[in-house]
Amino acid sequence: MTAPLVRVVLPAALSASAGGQRELVRPAGPGLTAAALLDGLAADYPRLERRIRDEAGKLRRYVNVYLDGEELRDLNGLDSRVPPGCEVLILASVAGG
């Protein structure tokens, strides 16, 4: 039996900070929160962490995280539960003009 997983999808703008990967697969343990998921990503991809969260550990203003299509800020923020099989989409706004 395989362990339950969570799929993390990154846009091209963030993939360079994750070794060029657009999709990361992480284990989904019982009680996994968005904060714990991001902590795990930070351990493996410190450059990605700096793009997603600030020094206080909060999501950067221009970063949106979606759990199965629901915006994290509309749920319980970083305390939101991440169920097994969930797709986590991390998007960063890109300024331009």
Protein backbone atom coordinates (compact mmCIF):
# COMPACT_ATOMS: atom_id res chain seq x y z
CA MET A 1 0.00 0.00 0.00
CA THR A 2 1.38 3.39 -0.94
CA ALA A 3 1.35 6.39 1.36
CA PRO A 4 -1.23 9.11 0.63
CA LEU A 5 0.20 12.05 -1.26
CA VAL A 6 -0.42 15.73 -1.91
CA ARG A 7 0.39 17.27 -5.28
CA VAL A 8 1.86 20.80 -5.24
CA VAL A 9 1.63 22.67 -8.56
CA LEU A 10 3.87 25.66 -9.25
CA PRO A 11 3.71 28.22 -12.06
CA ALA A 12 6.77 28.79 -14.23
CA ALA A 13 7.60 31.93 -12.22
CA LEU A 14 8.17 29.81 -9.09
CA SER A 15 9.46 26.59 -10.63
CA ALA A 16 13.01 27.94 -10.97
CA SER A 17 13.12 28.16 -7.16
CA ALA A 18 12.20 24.46 -6.99
CA GLY A 19 14.91 23.11 -9.25
CA GLY A 20 12.84 23.73 -12.38
CA GLN A 21 10.02 21.45 -11.24
CA ARG A 22 6.43 22.49 -11.96
CA GLU A 23 4.94 19.74 -9.79
CA LEU A 24 6.08 18.42 -6.41
CA VAL A 25 4.64 15.40 -4.66
CA ARG A 26 4.67 15.36 -0.86
CA PRO A 27 3.48 12.83 1.72
CA ALA A 28 0.10 13.57 3.29
CA GLY A 29 0.03 12.54 6.92
CA PRO A 30 -2.92 12.79 9.26
CA GLY A 31 -3.49 16.34 10.41
CA LEU A 32 -1.24 17.87 7.75
CA THR A 33 -1.71 21.64 7.68
CA ALA A 34 -0.78 24.13 4.99
CA ALA A 35 1.93 25.50 7.32
CA ALA A 36 3.47 22.05 7.80
CA LEU A 37 3.34 21.39 4.06
CA LEU A 38 5.14 24.68 3.38
CA ASP A 39 7.65 23.90 6.13
CA GLY A 40 8.47 20.64 4.33
CA LEU A 41 8.87 22.45 1.03
CA ALA A 42 11.10 25.04 2.73
CA ALA A 43 13.42 22.32 4.02
CA ASP A 44 13.93 20.99 0.48
CA TYR A 45 13.68 24.27 -1.45
CA PRO A 46 14.80 27.26 0.67
CA ARG A 47 14.71 29.61 -2.36
CA LEU A 48 11.07 28.69 -2.92
CA GLU A 49 10.29 29.40 0.73
CA ARG A 50 11.65 32.95 0.41
CA ARG A 51 9.35 33.55 -2.56
CA ILE A 52 6.24 32.22 -0.75
CA ARG A 53 6.50 33.33 2.88
CA ASP A 54 8.03 36.31 4.66
CA GLU A 55 10.47 36.26 7.59
CA ALA A 56 7.57 35.87 10.03
CA GLY A 57 6.31 32.78 8.20
CA LYS A 58 3.22 34.47 6.74
CA LEU A 59 2.22 34.19 3.10
CA ARG A 60 3.57 37.05 1.07
CA ARG A 61 0.90 39.51 0.01
CA TYR A 62 1.24 38.64 -3.68
CA VAL A 63 1.13 34.84 -3.18
CA ASN A 64 -2.11 32.89 -3.35
CA VAL A 65 -2.38 29.25 -2.32
CA TYR A 66 -5.34 27.10 -3.34
CA LEU A 67 -6.33 23.78 -1.76
CA ASP A 68 -8.43 21.89 -4.30
CA GLY A 69 -9.51 25.23 -5.79
CA GLU A 70 -10.29 26.99 -2.48
CA GLU A 71 -8.14 30.01 -1.64
CA LEU A 72 -6.21 29.41 1.59
CA ARG A 73 -7.08 32.85 2.99
CA ASP A 74 -10.79 32.00 2.62
CA LEU A 75 -10.30 28.83 4.68
CA ASN A 76 -8.28 28.74 7.92
CA GLY A 77 -5.12 30.27 6.47
CA LEU A 78 -1.94 28.35 7.20
CA ASP A 79 -3.84 26.28 9.79
CA SER A 80 -6.02 24.80 7.02
CA ARG A 81 -5.97 21.01 6.82
CA VAL A 82 -4.49 19.51 3.65
CA PRO A 83 -6.24 16.19 3.00
CA PRO A 84 -4.60 13.25 1.23
CA GLY A 85 -5.01 13.48 -2.53
CA CYS A 86 -5.34 17.26 -2.41
CA GLU A 87 -3.96 19.46 -5.17
CA VAL A 88 -2.19 22.54 -3.82
CA LEU A 89 -1.73 25.32 -6.35
CA ILE A 90 0.70 28.11 -5.44
CA LEU A 91 0.44 31.25 -7.55
CA ALA A 92 2.49 34.43 -7.36
CA SER A 93 1.28 37.65 -8.93
CA VAL A 94 3.65 39.04 -11.50
CA ALA A 95 3.85 42.80 -11.80
CA GLY A 96 4.45 44.35 -15.14
CA GLY A 97 3.28 46.98 -17.43
